[in-house]
Amino acid sequence: MTTKRLLVLLLASAAAIGGSLAGNSFAGAREAAAPAAGGIDPRAGGFEIALGEWAISPEAGAIRPGPVTLVIRNRGTFRHGLELELRRVDDHDHDHDGHGDDDAKSIKLSPGQATRLTMNLAPGVYEIECFISHHDDRGMRGMLEVRADAPLLAPAKPAAGTTVAISGFAYKPATLRTTVGKVVTWRNDDAAPHTASAAGFSSPQLAKGGTYRRRFTRAGTYAYVCALHPGMRGKVIVAGGGS
């Protein structure tokens, strides 16, 4: 099968799974988070944690104690699931069997599926990992710190310019508008590698911090996906006559 044919199939597959999610999953826009004390509490509207091959991408590395709803999304092509466990003073081995009241485990998520876990997190350092066998060994593990002085997030700025950030297994902005002759840059901020691949172009695999640039010389709508995580979808809309 040619590369072009494969990308066409990936785009068609991504469109097919873009509808509503079933079972334990949910769809819809995230609730707006209100600014507080000069920033946004990442717990507001749900704390996003994205899973994919082979990394876990939480919305922030630290949050404040108290009630929180974890919004767990599988952006990968394999089944994944999240386990969160408070690291205890007497823990000498990562593979211990003890569980406490602050531990939690999601359902197994199929590709494109999402779920929510509502908890009341006490201060401490929590291990987060994919509980599917050997996925943690391949890199799907990390830490989440819960502390009273965890920083708030800066309010999101309106999309502008010609740069698409790749973060949390998503393209941001998902739709970028530009004009003929402009160069669009993709920048990978995730720990996992990603691509920007369409029927007419494809980036190489971008490691964290990697970038890819493309000049658009014709007006049109260019839909693209990540060849490694086809649930990730983006679009560049190029208008003619711009300077």
Protein backbone atom coordinates (compact mmCIF):
# COMPACT_ATOMS: atom_id res chain seq x y z
CA MET A 1 0.00 0.00 0.00
CA THR A 2 1.40 3.42 -0.92
CA THR A 3 2.08 6.09 1.70
CA LYS A 4 -0.50 8.37 0.10
CA ARG A 5 -3.16 5.65 0.21
CA LEU A 6 -2.33 4.93 3.88
CA LEU A 7 -2.75 8.59 4.82
CA VAL A 8 -6.08 8.77 3.01
CA LEU A 9 -7.26 5.76 5.03
CA LEU A 10 -6.01 7.34 8.26
CA LEU A 11 -7.92 10.55 7.52
CA ALA A 12 -11.08 8.59 6.75
CA SER A 13 -10.66 6.52 9.94
CA ALA A 14 -10.11 9.64 12.04
CA ALA A 15 -13.29 11.19 10.67
CA ALA A 16 -15.23 8.02 11.45
CA ILE A 17 -14.23 8.02 15.14
CA GLY A 18 -14.75 11.73 15.55
CA GLY A 19 -18.39 11.36 16.55
CA SER A 20 -19.89 10.86 19.96
CA LEU A 21 -18.25 8.44 22.37
CA ALA A 22 -20.18 5.55 23.89
CA GLY A 23 -20.33 3.55 27.12
CA ASN A 24 -18.13 5.05 29.84
CA SER A 25 -16.87 7.68 27.42
CA PHE A 26 -18.23 11.17 26.93
CA ALA A 27 -18.09 13.90 24.32
CA GLY A 28 -18.52 17.62 24.25
CA ALA A 29 -16.59 20.75 24.91
CA ARG A 30 -14.83 21.18 28.19
CA GLU A 31 -16.54 23.55 30.59
CA ALA A 32 -15.03 27.01 30.65
CA ALA A 33 -12.66 27.54 33.56
CA ALA A 34 -12.94 30.87 35.30
CA PRO A 35 -9.76 32.85 36.05
CA ALA A 36 -8.91 33.00 39.75
CA ALA A 37 -6.17 34.96 41.50
CA GLY A 38 -4.48 35.81 38.22
CA GLY A 39 -4.75 32.34 36.68
CA ILE A 40 -6.89 29.28 36.02
CA ASP A 41 -7.11 26.33 38.35
CA PRO A 42 -6.41 23.29 36.10
CA ARG A 43 -9.02 21.34 38.10
CA ALA A 44 -11.79 23.67 36.86
CA GLY A 45 -14.02 21.90 34.36
CA GLY A 46 -12.05 18.66 34.77
CA PHE A 47 -8.32 17.90 34.91
CA GLU A 48 -7.28 16.49 31.54
CA ILE A 49 -4.94 13.49 31.30
CA ALA A 50 -4.16 12.15 27.81
CA LEU A 51 -2.87 8.63 27.18
CA GLY A 52 -1.10 7.44 24.04
CA GLU A 53 1.91 5.56 22.72
CA TRP A 54 4.06 5.81 24.80
CA ALA A 55 3.49 8.63 27.26
CA ILE A 56 1.04 10.12 29.74
CA SER A 57 0.32 13.82 29.33
CA PRO A 58 -1.42 15.52 32.29
CA GLU A 59 -2.69 19.06 31.90
CA ALA A 60 -0.27 20.22 34.60
CA GLY A 61 2.43 18.67 36.75
CA ALA A 62 0.94 19.93 40.01
CA ILE A 63 -2.57 20.71 41.27
CA ARG A 64 -4.10 21.86 44.54
CA PRO A 65 -5.70 19.47 47.06
CA GLY A 66 -9.42 18.86 47.18
CA PRO A 67 -12.17 17.64 44.87
CA VAL A 68 -11.14 17.00 41.27
CA THR A 69 -12.59 15.22 38.28
CA LEU A 70 -9.95 13.50 36.17
CA VAL A 71 -10.86 13.55 32.47
CA ILE A 72 -8.91 10.63 30.99
CA ARG A 73 -8.70 10.32 27.20
CA ASN A 74 -7.11 7.56 25.15
CA ARG A 75 -5.50 9.30 22.16
CA GLY A 76 -3.55 6.23 21.12
CA THR A 77 -4.13 3.22 18.90
CA PHE A 78 -3.97 0.59 21.69
CA ARG A 79 -6.15 0.07 24.75
CA HIS A 80 -4.92 2.04 27.76
CA GLY A 81 -6.03 2.71 31.32
CA LEU A 82 -4.92 5.08 34.07
CA GLU A 83 -3.91 4.13 37.58
CA LEU A 84 -3.19 6.80 40.18
CA GLU A 85 -1.53 5.87 43.45
CA LEU A 86 -0.30 7.96 46.36
CA ARG A 87 3.40 7.38 46.95
CA ARG A 88 3.84 6.37 50.59
CA VAL A 89 6.84 6.70 52.88
CA ASP A 90 7.15 2.91 53.23
CA ASP A 91 7.09 2.29 49.47
CA HIS A 92 10.40 0.66 48.57
CA ASP A 93 9.40 -0.88 45.26
CA HIS A 94 7.33 0.50 42.39
CA ASP A 95 5.55 -2.83 41.96
CA HIS A 96 3.91 -3.06 45.38
CA ASP A 97 0.38 -4.37 45.86
CA GLY A 98 -0.82 -2.07 48.63
CA HIS A 99 -3.64 0.35 47.82
CA GLY A 100 -5.10 3.15 49.89
CA ASP A 101 -8.09 5.45 49.92
CA ASP A 102 -6.28 7.92 47.66
CA ASP A 103 -5.67 5.36 44.92
CA ALA A 104 -7.83 5.13 41.81
CA LYS A 105 -8.04 3.17 38.59
CA SER A 106 -9.98 3.88 35.41
CA ILE A 107 -11.66 1.41 33.12
CA LYS A 108 -9.73 0.08 30.15
CA LEU A 109 -10.16 2.63 27.38
CA SER A 110 -10.39 1.73 23.71
CA PRO A 111 -8.77 4.11 21.20
CA GLY A 112 -10.73 7.37 21.11
CA GLN A 113 -12.60 6.60 24.33
CA ALA A 114 -12.69 8.82 27.41
CA THR A 115 -13.92 8.55 30.99
CA ARG A 116 -14.11 10.56 34.22
CA LEU A 117 -12.95 9.80 37.75
CA THR A 118 -14.06 12.09 40.58
CA MET A 119 -11.81 12.11 43.65
CA ASN A 120 -10.85 14.14 46.69
CA LEU A 121 -7.06 14.30 46.53
CA ALA A 122 -5.01 14.81 49.67
CA PRO A 123 -1.60 16.51 49.50
CA GLY A 124 1.21 14.26 48.33
CA VAL A 125 3.01 12.87 45.32
CA TYR A 126 1.03 10.47 43.16
CA GLU A 127 2.34 7.96 40.66
CA ILE A 128 0.34 7.91 37.45
CA GLU A 129 0.76 5.12 34.94
CA CYS A 130 -0.97 2.97 32.36
CA PHE A 131 -1.95 -0.28 34.07
CA ILE A 132 -1.98 -2.34 30.86
CA SER A 133 0.82 -4.89 31.08
CA HIS A 134 4.27 -3.45 30.24
CA HIS A 135 2.92 -0.09 29.04
CA ASP A 136 4.50 1.65 32.04
CA ASP A 137 7.85 0.09 31.12
CA ARG A 138 7.55 1.64 27.65
CA GLY A 139 7.22 5.13 29.10
CA MET A 140 3.59 5.50 30.17
CA ARG A 141 4.28 6.60 33.73
CA GLY A 142 4.86 9.84 35.56
CA MET A 143 4.18 11.87 38.69
CA LEU A 144 1.43 14.25 39.76
CA GLU A 145 2.13 16.50 42.73
CA VAL A 146 -0.75 17.70 44.90
CA ARG A 147 0.13 20.69 47.06
CA ALA A 148 -1.54 23.83 48.37
CA ASP A 149 0.78 26.20 46.49
CA ALA A 150 0.51 24.51 43.09
CA PRO A 151 0.66 27.22 40.41
CA LEU A 152 -2.39 28.31 38.46
CA LEU A 153 -2.33 28.21 34.67
CA ALA A 154 -2.16 31.31 32.51
CA PRO A 155 -5.45 31.99 30.67
CA ALA A 156 -5.42 30.62 27.13
CA LYS A 157 -4.82 33.28 24.51
CA PRO A 158 -6.85 33.43 21.30
CA ALA A 159 -5.24 31.46 18.48
CA ALA A 160 -3.03 33.71 16.42
CA GLY A 161 -0.05 33.44 14.13
CA THR A 162 0.98 30.41 12.14
CA THR A 163 2.20 27.95 14.78
CA VAL A 164 0.39 24.77 15.78
CA ALA A 165 1.45 23.41 19.19
CA ILE A 166 1.15 19.66 19.77
CA SER A 167 0.29 19.12 23.42
CA GLY A 168 -1.76 16.59 25.35
CA PHE A 169 -2.04 14.42 22.21
CA ALA A 170 -3.89 17.25 20.43
CA TYR A 171 -3.18 19.98 17.88
CA LYS A 172 -3.62 23.48 19.28
CA PRO A 173 -5.34 25.16 17.58
CA ALA A 174 -7.17 22.27 15.93
CA THR A 175 -8.10 24.60 13.07
CA LEU A 176 -5.59 27.20 11.92
CA ARG A 177 -6.54 29.86 9.36
CA THR A 178 -3.89 31.47 7.21
CA THR A 179 -3.34 32.87 3.73
CA VAL A 180 -1.54 31.75 0.59
CA GLY A 181 2.22 32.08 0.86
CA LYS A 182 2.40 31.82 4.65
CA VAL A 183 4.51 29.18 6.42
CA VAL A 184 2.84 27.07 9.11
CA THR A 185 5.01 25.59 11.86
CA TRP A 186 4.12 22.54 13.94
CA ARG A 187 5.93 22.25 17.30
CA ASN A 188 5.76 19.10 19.45
CA ASP A 189 5.52 19.88 23.17
CA ASP A 190 4.60 16.29 24.13
CA ALA A 191 6.94 13.61 25.43
CA ALA A 192 5.53 11.21 22.82
CA PRO A 193 6.54 11.57 19.14
CA HIS A 194 3.96 12.91 16.67
CA THR A 195 3.56 13.81 13.01
CA ALA A 196 1.41 16.14 10.92
CA SER A 197 0.40 14.00 7.94
CA ALA A 198 -2.02 14.73 5.09
CA ALA A 199 -2.60 13.30 1.64
CA GLY A 200 -0.30 15.95 0.16
CA PHE A 201 2.38 16.30 2.83
CA SER A 202 3.79 14.69 5.95
CA SER A 203 6.25 15.71 8.59
CA PRO A 204 8.85 13.31 9.92
CA GLN A 205 8.31 11.96 13.42
CA LEU A 206 8.78 14.92 15.75
CA ALA A 207 10.41 14.27 19.12
CA LYS A 208 9.71 16.64 22.00
CA GLY A 209 10.79 20.14 20.96
CA GLY A 210 10.90 19.17 17.27
CA THR A 211 9.35 21.39 14.60
CA TYR A 212 8.10 21.03 11.04
CA ARG A 213 7.46 23.90 8.62
CA ARG A 214 5.42 23.99 5.42
CA ARG A 215 4.59 26.85 3.07
CA PHE A 216 1.08 26.73 1.60
CA THR A 217 1.00 28.00 -1.97
CA ARG A 218 -2.62 27.19 -2.82
CA ALA A 219 -5.89 28.11 -1.18
CA GLY A 220 -7.92 25.27 0.27
CA THR A 221 -8.64 23.19 3.35
CA TYR A 222 -5.92 20.78 4.41
CA ALA A 223 -7.03 18.11 6.92
CA TYR A 224 -4.26 16.18 8.62
CA VAL A 225 -3.72 13.55 11.32
CA CYS A 226 -0.89 12.14 13.38
CA ALA A 227 0.30 9.00 11.60
CA LEU A 228 1.18 7.49 14.99
CA HIS A 229 -2.04 8.52 16.77
CA PRO A 230 -4.77 8.86 14.11
CA GLY A 231 -7.31 10.03 16.70
CA MET A 232 -5.43 13.34 16.62
CA ARG A 233 -6.92 15.55 13.91
CA GLY A 234 -6.20 19.05 12.68
CA LYS A 235 -7.00 21.36 9.82
CA VAL A 236 -5.32 24.26 8.01
CA ILE A 237 -7.62 26.56 6.09
CA VAL A 238 -5.73 28.66 3.53
CA ALA A 239 -7.42 31.69 2.03
CA GLY A 240 -6.30 33.28 -1.23
CA GLY A 241 -5.21 36.87 -1.78
CA GLY A 242 -3.50 37.43 1.58
CA SER A 243 -0.28 39.34 1.99
